[in-house]
Structure formats: C-alpha cells, structure tokens
Amino acid sequence: MKLTLIALVFVLMASASFVSAQQEQLSERSYEIALAKALDAASSRDRRILTEETFYSGTQVTGTRKIVSDFVGNDA
C-alpha cells in the first residue's frame, strides 16, 4: 500500500512538471528583439561583475584568478 502511494505521488509530480512548462513559444525574431532590449537596458545600469577562473593541468588545480569588472553607465 505504501509503495503504491509513493509510486502514485511520483507519477503525479512527473506529469505536473509537463503541465507547468512554457505554453507560448517565441519565434526566433521575437527572441532576438527581446534580447536586444534586455542588452540595451543592461548597458544603462552601473554594475560589477565578479569572475573567478580556475586553471587545471589534468585533474590538478594549477592556479586561480579573480577578476573584478566595473561597468558604469554607457561604458557598459
């Protein structure tokens, strides 16, 4: 009984994930327009980007580097 209940809950959860998927698909052109608008809006805001790089030789870590990039207004 308990195993059947667990299996039923699992099936319901799995099927619910498909129901909540995106219902509207964007055309490629609509996507490009939305992306361009987002990039234009992002360049008008001050922001800081933190990047951390890890360097490997095979499986051994040989070094790391942290980069801080500040973007101000239209310079972004």
PDB file of N, CA and C in Angstrom:
ATOM      1  N   MET A   1       0.828  -1.194   0.000  1.00  0.00           N
ATOM      2  CA  MET A   1       0.000   0.000   0.000  1.00  0.00           C
ATOM      3  C   MET A   1       0.873   1.259   0.000  1.00  0.00           C
ATOM      4  N   LYS A   2       1.883   1.249   0.874  1.00  0.00           N
ATOM      5  CA  LYS A   2       2.761   2.416   0.969  1.00  0.00           C
ATOM      6  C   LYS A   2       3.552   2.619  -0.317  1.00  0.00           C
ATOM      7  N   LEU A   3       4.001   1.535  -0.904  1.00  0.00           N
ATOM      8  CA  LEU A   3       4.763   1.612  -2.157  1.00  0.00           C
ATOM      9  C   LEU A   3       3.880   2.124  -3.295  1.00  0.00           C
ATOM     10  N   THR A   4       2.636   1.693  -3.330  1.00  0.00           N
ATOM     11  CA  THR A   4       1.699   2.153  -4.355  1.00  0.00           C
ATOM     12  C   THR A   4       1.442   3.645  -4.218  1.00  0.00           C
ATOM     13  N   LEU A   5       1.295   4.116  -2.987  1.00  0.00           N
ATOM     14  CA  LEU A   5       1.063   5.537  -2.740  1.00  0.00           C
ATOM     15  C   LEU A   5       2.268   6.367  -3.175  1.00  0.00           C
ATOM     16  N   ILE A   6       3.458   5.907  -2.870  1.00  0.00           N
ATOM     17  CA  ILE A   6       4.676   6.611  -3.262  1.00  0.00           C
ATOM     18  C   ILE A   6       4.790   6.650  -4.786  1.00  0.00           C
ATOM     19  N   ALA A   7       4.482   5.543  -5.459  1.00  0.00           N
ATOM     20  CA  ALA A   7       4.539   5.494  -6.916  1.00  0.00           C
ATOM     21  C   ALA A   7       3.518   6.449  -7.526  1.00  0.00           C
ATOM     22  N   LEU A   8       2.324   6.516  -6.955  1.00  0.00           N
ATOM     23  CA  LEU A   8       1.290   7.416  -7.448  1.00  0.00           C
ATOM     24  C   LEU A   8       1.710   8.876  -7.302  1.00  0.00           C
ATOM     25  N   VAL A   9       2.285   9.224  -6.154  1.00  0.00           N
ATOM     26  CA  VAL A   9       2.755  10.593  -5.929  1.00  0.00           C
ATOM     27  C   VAL A   9       3.860  10.934  -6.929  1.00  0.00           C
ATOM     28  N   PHE A  10       4.753  10.008  -7.172  1.00  0.00           N
ATOM     29  CA  PHE A  10       5.840  10.232  -8.126  1.00  0.00           C
ATOM     30  C   PHE A  10       5.290  10.474  -9.528  1.00  0.00           C
ATOM     31  N   VAL A  11       4.314   9.674  -9.951  1.00  0.00           N
ATOM     32  CA  VAL A  11       3.725   9.837 -11.290  1.00  0.00           C
ATOM     33  C   VAL A  11       3.022  11.184 -11.390  1.00  0.00           C
ATOM     34  N   LEU A  12       2.305  11.583 -10.357  1.00  0.00           N
ATOM     35  CA  LEU A  12       1.622  12.874 -10.376  1.00  0.00           C
ATOM     36  C   LEU A  12       2.609  14.034 -10.445  1.00  0.00           C
ATOM     37  N   MET A  13       3.698  13.945  -9.700  1.00  0.00           N
ATOM     38  CA  MET A  13       4.712  15.003  -9.726  1.00  0.00           C
ATOM     39  C   MET A  13       5.382  15.077 -11.096  1.00  0.00           C
ATOM     40  N   ALA A  14       5.652  13.941 -11.693  1.00  0.00           N
ATOM     41  CA  ALA A  14       6.296  13.915 -13.002  1.00  0.00           C
ATOM     42  C   ALA A  14       5.381  14.490 -14.065  1.00  0.00           C
ATOM     43  N   SER A  15       4.105  14.176 -14.004  1.00  0.00           N
ATOM     44  CA  SER A  15       3.188  14.708 -15.005  1.00  0.00           C
ATOM     45  C   SER A  15       2.910  16.191 -14.779  1.00  0.00           C
ATOM     46  N   ALA A  16       2.985  16.659 -13.544  1.00  0.00           N
ATOM     47  CA  ALA A  16       2.753  18.077 -13.251  1.00  0.00           C
ATOM     48  C   ALA A  16       3.865  18.939 -13.824  1.00  0.00           C
ATOM     49  N   SER A  17       5.067  18.419 -13.955  1.00  0.00           N
ATOM     50  CA  SER A  17       6.165  19.209 -14.498  1.00  0.00           C
ATOM     51  C   SER A  17       5.924  19.549 -15.970  1.00  0.00           C
ATOM     52  N   PHE A  18       5.247  18.678 -16.704  1.00  0.00           N
ATOM     53  CA  PHE A  18       4.935  18.970 -18.099  1.00  0.00           C
ATOM     54  C   PHE A  18       3.819  19.997 -18.209  1.00  0.00           C
ATOM     55  N   VAL A  19       2.918  19.989 -17.270  1.00  0.00           N
ATOM     56  CA  VAL A  19       1.793  20.925 -17.296  1.00  0.00           C
ATOM     57  C   VAL A  19       2.273  22.348 -17.081  1.00  0.00           C
ATOM     58  N   SER A  20       3.257  22.539 -16.214  1.00  0.00           N
ATOM     59  CA  SER A  20       3.722  23.890 -15.898  1.00  0.00           C
ATOM     60  C   SER A  20       4.787  24.393 -16.869  1.00  0.00           C
ATOM     61  N   ALA A  21       5.049  23.661 -17.932  1.00  0.00           N
ATOM     62  CA  ALA A  21       6.051  24.087 -18.911  1.00  0.00           C
ATOM     63  C   ALA A  21       5.557  25.316 -19.667  1.00  0.00           C
ATOM     64  N   GLN A  22       6.469  25.980 -20.328  1.00  0.00           N
ATOM     65  CA  GLN A  22       6.139  27.187 -21.084  1.00  0.00           C
ATOM     66  C   GLN A  22       5.126  26.852 -22.171  1.00  0.00           C
ATOM     67  N   GLN A  23       4.016  27.581 -22.173  1.00  0.00           N
ATOM     68  CA  GLN A  23       2.965  27.296 -23.128  1.00  0.00           C
ATOM     69  C   GLN A  23       3.137  28.076 -24.422  1.00  0.00           C
ATOM     70  N   GLU A  24       3.754  29.236 -24.354  1.00  0.00           N
ATOM     71  CA  GLU A  24       3.905  30.076 -25.534  1.00  0.00           C
ATOM     72  C   GLU A  24       5.336  29.967 -26.046  1.00  0.00           C
ATOM     73  N   GLN A  25       5.479  29.696 -27.312  1.00  0.00           N
ATOM     74  CA  GLN A  25       6.809  29.630 -27.902  1.00  0.00           C
ATOM     75  C   GLN A  25       7.084  30.932 -28.642  1.00  0.00           C
ATOM     76  N   LEU A  26       8.300  31.433 -28.466  1.00  0.00           N
ATOM     77  CA  LEU A  26       8.707  32.658 -29.151  1.00  0.00           C
ATOM     78  C   LEU A  26       9.281  32.308 -30.516  1.00  0.00           C
ATOM     79  N   SER A  27       9.017  33.154 -31.470  1.00  0.00           N
ATOM     80  CA  SER A  27       9.688  32.984 -32.751  1.00  0.00           C
ATOM     81  C   SER A  27      11.128  33.461 -32.581  1.00  0.00           C
ATOM     82  N   GLU A  28      11.974  33.088 -33.493  1.00  0.00           N
ATOM     83  CA  GLU A  28      13.376  33.492 -33.400  1.00  0.00           C
ATOM     84  C   GLU A  28      13.501  35.013 -33.432  1.00  0.00           C
ATOM     85  N   ARG A  29      12.695  35.659 -34.249  1.00  0.00           N
ATOM     86  CA  ARG A  29      12.730  37.122 -34.359  1.00  0.00           C
ATOM     87  C   ARG A  29      12.281  37.782 -33.058  1.00  0.00           C
ATOM     88  N   SER A  30      11.224  37.259 -32.429  1.00  0.00           N
ATOM     89  CA  SER A  30      10.751  37.810 -31.157  1.00  0.00           C
ATOM     90  C   SER A  30      11.811  37.662 -30.069  1.00  0.00           C
ATOM     91  N   TYR A  31      12.500  36.518 -30.079  1.00  0.00           N
ATOM     92  CA  TYR A  31      13.566  36.290 -29.113  1.00  0.00           C
ATOM     93  C   TYR A  31      14.692  37.300 -29.306  1.00  0.00           C
ATOM     94  N   GLU A  32      15.088  37.530 -30.565  1.00  0.00           N
ATOM     95  CA  GLU A  32      16.173  38.473 -30.837  1.00  0.00           C
ATOM     96  C   GLU A  32      15.803  39.888 -30.415  1.00  0.00           C
ATOM     97  N   ILE A  33      14.557  40.286 -30.622  1.00  0.00           N
ATOM     98  CA  ILE A  33      14.103  41.621 -30.208  1.00  0.00           C
ATOM     99  C   ILE A  33      14.137  41.738 -28.686  1.00  0.00           C
ATOM    100  N   ALA A  34      13.638  40.728 -27.988  1.00  0.00           N
ATOM    101  CA  ALA A  34      13.632  40.755 -26.519  1.00  0.00           C
ATOM    102  C   ALA A  34      15.060  40.781 -25.971  1.00  0.00           C
ATOM    103  N   LEU A  35      15.950  40.026 -26.584  1.00  0.00           N
ATOM    104  CA  LEU A  35      17.349  40.005 -26.151  1.00  0.00           C
ATOM    105  C   LEU A  35      18.008  41.357 -26.373  1.00  0.00           C
ATOM    106  N   ALA A  36      17.773  41.979 -27.514  1.00  0.00           N
ATOM    107  CA  ALA A  36      18.354  43.295 -27.807  1.00  0.00           C
ATOM    108  C   ALA A  36      17.860  44.346 -26.818  1.00  0.00           C
ATOM    109  N   LYS A  37      16.566  44.312 -26.478  1.00  0.00           N
ATOM    110  CA  LYS A  37      16.029  45.249 -25.494  1.00  0.00           C
ATOM    111  C   LYS A  37      16.663  45.042 -24.130  1.00  0.00           C
ATOM    112  N   ALA A  38      16.852  43.780 -23.746  1.00  0.00           N
ATOM    113  CA  ALA A  38      17.467  43.482 -22.443  1.00  0.00           C
ATOM    114  C   ALA A  38      18.914  43.952 -22.405  1.00  0.00           C
ATOM    115  N   LEU A  39      19.656  43.751 -23.486  1.00  0.00           N
ATOM    116  CA  LEU A  39      21.047  44.190 -23.522  1.00  0.00           C
ATOM    117  C   LEU A  39      21.157  45.707 -23.502  1.00  0.00           C
ATOM    118  N   ASP A  40      20.256  46.398 -24.199  1.00  0.00           N
ATOM    119  CA  ASP A  40      20.251  47.862 -24.172  1.00  0.00           C
ATOM    120  C   ASP A  40      19.967  48.383 -22.773  1.00  0.00           C
ATOM    121  N   ALA A  41      19.023  47.766 -22.083  1.00  0.00           N
ATOM    122  CA  ALA A  41      18.687  48.191 -20.725  1.00  0.00           C
ATOM    123  C   ALA A  41      19.839  47.905 -19.769  1.00  0.00           C
ATOM    124  N   ALA A  42      20.541  46.796 -19.973  1.00  0.00           N
ATOM    125  CA  ALA A  42      21.640  46.436 -19.077  1.00  0.00           C
ATOM    126  C   ALA A  42      22.794  47.418 -19.196  1.00  0.00           C
ATOM    127  N   SER A  43      23.025  47.958 -20.385  1.00  0.00           N
ATOM    128  CA  SER A  43      24.173  48.846 -20.562  1.00  0.00           C
ATOM    129  C   SER A  43      23.935  50.213 -19.932  1.00  0.00           C
ATOM    130  N   SER A  44      22.719  50.524 -19.566  1.00  0.00           N
ATOM    131  CA  SER A  44      22.456  51.821 -18.948  1.00  0.00           C
ATOM    132  C   SER A  44      22.559  51.762 -17.421  1.00  0.00           C
ATOM    133  N   ARG A  45      22.874  50.624 -16.870  1.00  0.00           N
ATOM    134  CA  ARG A  45      22.962  50.472 -15.417  1.00  0.00           C
ATOM    135  C   ARG A  45      24.398  50.225 -14.983  1.00  0.00           C
ATOM    136  N   ASP A  46      24.775  50.825 -13.858  1.00  0.00           N
ATOM    137  CA  ASP A  46      26.078  50.536 -13.275  1.00  0.00           C
ATOM    138  C   ASP A  46      26.045  49.116 -12.719  1.00  0.00           C
ATOM    139  N   ARG A  47      27.144  48.398 -12.897  1.00  0.00           N
ATOM    140  CA  ARG A  47      27.187  47.046 -12.339  1.00  0.00           C
ATOM    141  C   ARG A  47      28.626  46.584 -12.177  1.00  0.00           C
ATOM    142  N   ARG A  48      28.771  45.577 -11.355  1.00  0.00           N
ATOM    143  CA  ARG A  48      30.065  44.954 -11.104  1.00  0.00           C
ATOM    144  C   ARG A  48      29.935  43.470 -11.383  1.00  0.00           C
ATOM    145  N   ILE A  49      30.887  42.945 -12.150  1.00  0.00           N
ATOM    146  CA  ILE A  49      30.893  41.523 -12.469  1.00  0.00           C
ATOM    147  C   ILE A  49      32.121  40.896 -11.827  1.00  0.00           C
ATOM    148  N   LEU A  50      31.899  39.853 -11.052  1.00  0.00           N
ATOM    149  CA  LEU A  50      32.984  39.117 -10.409  1.00  0.00           C
ATOM    150  C   LEU A  50      33.175  37.805 -11.157  1.00  0.00           C
ATOM    151  N   THR A  51      34.402  37.556 -11.605  1.00  0.00           N
ATOM    152  CA  THR A  51      34.714  36.341 -12.348  1.00  0.00           C
ATOM    153  C   THR A  51      35.836  35.616 -11.635  1.00  0.00           C
ATOM    154  N   GLU A  52      35.661  34.329 -11.430  1.00  0.00           N
ATOM    155  CA  GLU A  52      36.721  33.520 -10.827  1.00  0.00           C
ATOM    156  C   GLU A  52      37.063  32.395 -11.794  1.00  0.00           C
ATOM    157  N   GLU A  53      38.337  32.330 -12.160  1.00  0.00           N
ATOM    158  CA  GLU A  53      38.803  31.308 -13.089  1.00  0.00           C
ATOM    159  C   GLU A  53      39.688  30.323 -12.337  1.00  0.00           C
ATOM    160  N   THR A  54      39.548  29.059 -12.664  1.00  0.00           N
ATOM    161  CA  THR A  54      40.379  28.014 -12.081  1.00  0.00           C
ATOM    162  C   THR A  54      41.109  27.322 -13.222  1.00  0.00           C
ATOM    163  N   PHE A  55      42.412  27.169 -13.087  1.00  0.00           N
ATOM    164  CA  PHE A  55      43.228  26.558 -14.123  1.00  0.00           C
ATOM    165  C   PHE A  55      43.635  25.157 -13.693  1.00  0.00           C
ATOM    166  N   TYR A  56      43.556  24.233 -14.643  1.00  0.00           N
ATOM    167  CA  TYR A  56      43.847  22.828 -14.365  1.00  0.00           C
ATOM    168  C   TYR A  56      44.935  22.311 -15.289  1.00  0.00           C
ATOM    169  N   SER A  57      45.679  21.355 -14.789  1.00  0.00           N
ATOM    170  CA  SER A  57      46.574  20.553 -15.606  1.00  0.00           C
ATOM    171  C   SER A  57      46.159  19.107 -15.342  1.00  0.00           C
ATOM    172  N   GLY A  58      45.389  18.562 -16.263  1.00  0.00           N
ATOM    173  CA  GLY A  58      44.797  17.246 -15.993  1.00  0.00           C
ATOM    174  C   GLY A  58      43.732  17.405 -14.928  1.00  0.00           C
ATOM    175  N   THR A  59      43.919  16.695 -13.813  1.00  0.00           N
ATOM    176  CA  THR A  59      42.964  16.805 -12.711  1.00  0.00           C
ATOM    177  C   THR A  59      43.485  17.691 -11.581  1.00  0.00           C
ATOM    178  N   GLN A  60      44.714  18.202 -11.721  1.00  0.00           N
ATOM    179  CA  GLN A  60      45.327  19.032 -10.686  1.00  0.00           C
ATOM    180  C   GLN A  60      45.007  20.504 -10.909  1.00  0.00           C
ATOM    181  N   VAL A  61      44.630  21.200  -9.853  1.00  0.00           N
ATOM    182  CA  VAL A  61      44.425  22.646  -9.923  1.00  0.00           C
ATOM    183  C   VAL A  61      45.793  23.310  -9.911  1.00  0.00           C
ATOM    184  N   THR A  62      46.082  24.110 -10.953  1.00  0.00           N
ATOM    185  CA  THR A  62      47.392  24.761 -11.034  1.00  0.00           C
ATOM    186  C   THR A  62      47.333  26.235 -10.658  1.00  0.00           C
ATOM    187  N   GLY A  63      46.131  26.795 -10.563  1.00  0.00           N
ATOM    188  CA  GLY A  63      46.037  28.200 -10.175  1.00  0.00           C
ATOM    189  C   GLY A  63      44.618  28.721 -10.292  1.00  0.00           C
ATOM    190  N   THR A  64      44.406  29.874  -9.689  1.00  0.00           N
ATOM    191  CA  THR A  64      43.112  30.544  -9.783  1.00  0.00           C
ATOM    192  C   THR A  64      43.348  32.027 -10.038  1.00  0.00           C
ATOM    193  N   ARG A  65      42.321  32.679 -10.566  1.00  0.00           N
ATOM    194  CA  ARG A  65      42.405  34.113 -10.801  1.00  0.00           C
ATOM    195  C   ARG A  65      41.026  34.700 -10.568  1.00  0.00           C
ATOM    196  N   LYS A  66      40.965  35.807  -9.831  1.00  0.00           N
ATOM    197  CA  LYS A  66      39.718  36.514  -9.590  1.00  0.00           C
ATOM    198  C   LYS A  66      39.783  37.856 -10.307  1.00  0.00           C
ATOM    199  N   ILE A  67      38.729  38.171 -11.056  1.00  0.00           N
ATOM    200  CA  ILE A  67      38.666  39.398 -11.836  1.00  0.00           C
ATOM    201  C   ILE A  67      37.434  40.170 -11.415  1.00  0.00           C
ATOM    202  N   VAL A  68      37.614  41.461 -11.104  1.00  0.00           N
ATOM    203  CA  VAL A  68      36.503  42.345 -10.784  1.00  0.00           C
ATOM    204  C   VAL A  68      36.381  43.346 -11.925  1.00  0.00           C
ATOM    205  N   SER A  69      35.214  43.386 -12.571  1.00  0.00           N
ATOM    206  CA  SER A  69      34.983  44.321 -13.682  1.00  0.00           C
ATOM    207  C   SER A  69      33.848  45.253 -13.296  1.00  0.00           C
ATOM    208  N   ASP A  70      34.124  46.555 -13.304  1.00  0.00           N
ATOM    209  CA  ASP A  70      33.109  47.559 -13.012  1.00  0.00           C
ATOM    210  C   ASP A  70      32.680  48.229 -14.313  1.00  0.00           C
ATOM    211  N   PHE A  71      31.381  48.302 -14.535  1.00  0.00           N
ATOM    212  CA  PHE A  71      30.815  48.951 -15.709  1.00  0.00           C
ATOM    213  C   PHE A  71      29.944  50.108 -15.235  1.00  0.00           C
ATOM    214  N   VAL A  72      30.170  51.276 -15.778  1.00  0.00           N
ATOM    215  CA  VAL A  72      29.426  52.465 -15.350  1.00  0.00           C
ATOM    216  C   VAL A  72      28.690  53.049 -16.544  1.00  0.00           C
ATOM    217  N   GLY A  73      27.377  53.137 -16.431  1.00  0.00           N
ATOM    218  CA  GLY A  73      26.553  53.795 -17.436  1.00  0.00           C
ATOM    219  C   GLY A  73      26.758  53.290 -18.840  1.00  0.00           C
ATOM    220  N   ASN A  74      26.957  54.213 -19.783  1.00  0.00           N
ATOM    221  CA  ASN A  74      27.056  53.843 -21.187  1.00  0.00           C
ATOM    222  C   ASN A  74      28.350  53.129 -21.531  1.00  0.00           C
ATOM    223  N   ASP A  75      29.324  53.103 -20.628  1.00  0.00           N
ATOM    224  CA  ASP A  75      30.559  52.357 -20.868  1.00  0.00           C
ATOM    225  C   ASP A  75      30.311  50.856 -20.898  1.00  0.00           C
ATOM    226  N   ALA A  76      29.188  50.448 -20.327  1.00  0.00           N
ATOM    227  CA  ALA A  76      28.879  49.025 -20.294  1.00  0.00           C
ATOM    228  C   ALA A  76      28.598  48.567 -21.695  1.00  0.00           C
TER     229      ALA A  76
END
